[in-house]
């Protein structure tokens, strides 16, 4: 399978959808603003994440910069691996999954590297504006836009009333998570020749 096809049919749609939704949320919602998407199951809730998955962060500006550099290096490594795996004839499903992981990584890199220079600061009482001349942070120092929040609660047992999945995430995060789960579920098929 050609890498160009993987990028055009799998990675690019994820990147475009991710960035369009983030642009909409960032310029329309204020921090913390919520809107039901599927009542009782999922809502849009705008937050900005200055760290990584589940809000984990490295302390200070040095930690933030180190995380951004790590993300860029990881995306480069995933891209290199995708090209190598495609040339070596890896399973199409595996290649599609790696393309989704790469797209998710790049989607979050775009936020953390560029959004600080492209948007004004999001606030609790005012949505950000697309203003490249008035950015709120320097290169590599912006926050990632997250917006999906499961509102489903455990129905029974000791966890009754607690959220099933409290973290707030975005399309890029979903692409990475779904692709990793898909690889795990199909590993026998994907790696049967290994």
Foldseek 3Di string as FASTA:
>chain_A
DDPVCLCVPAQVVLLVVQVVVLVCCQQPDFAQDWDCDDPQWKIWGKDWALDDPPNDFDDDPVRLLVRLVVLVVVLVVLVVVLNVCVVVPFDPLLSSLSSLLSSLSVSQSCQQFPQQQQWDDGHNVHGIDGDNNHGNDHGNRGTGIFTMATNHFDCDDPRGPPGPDGDTGTSSVVSNVVSVVVCVVCVCVRPVVD
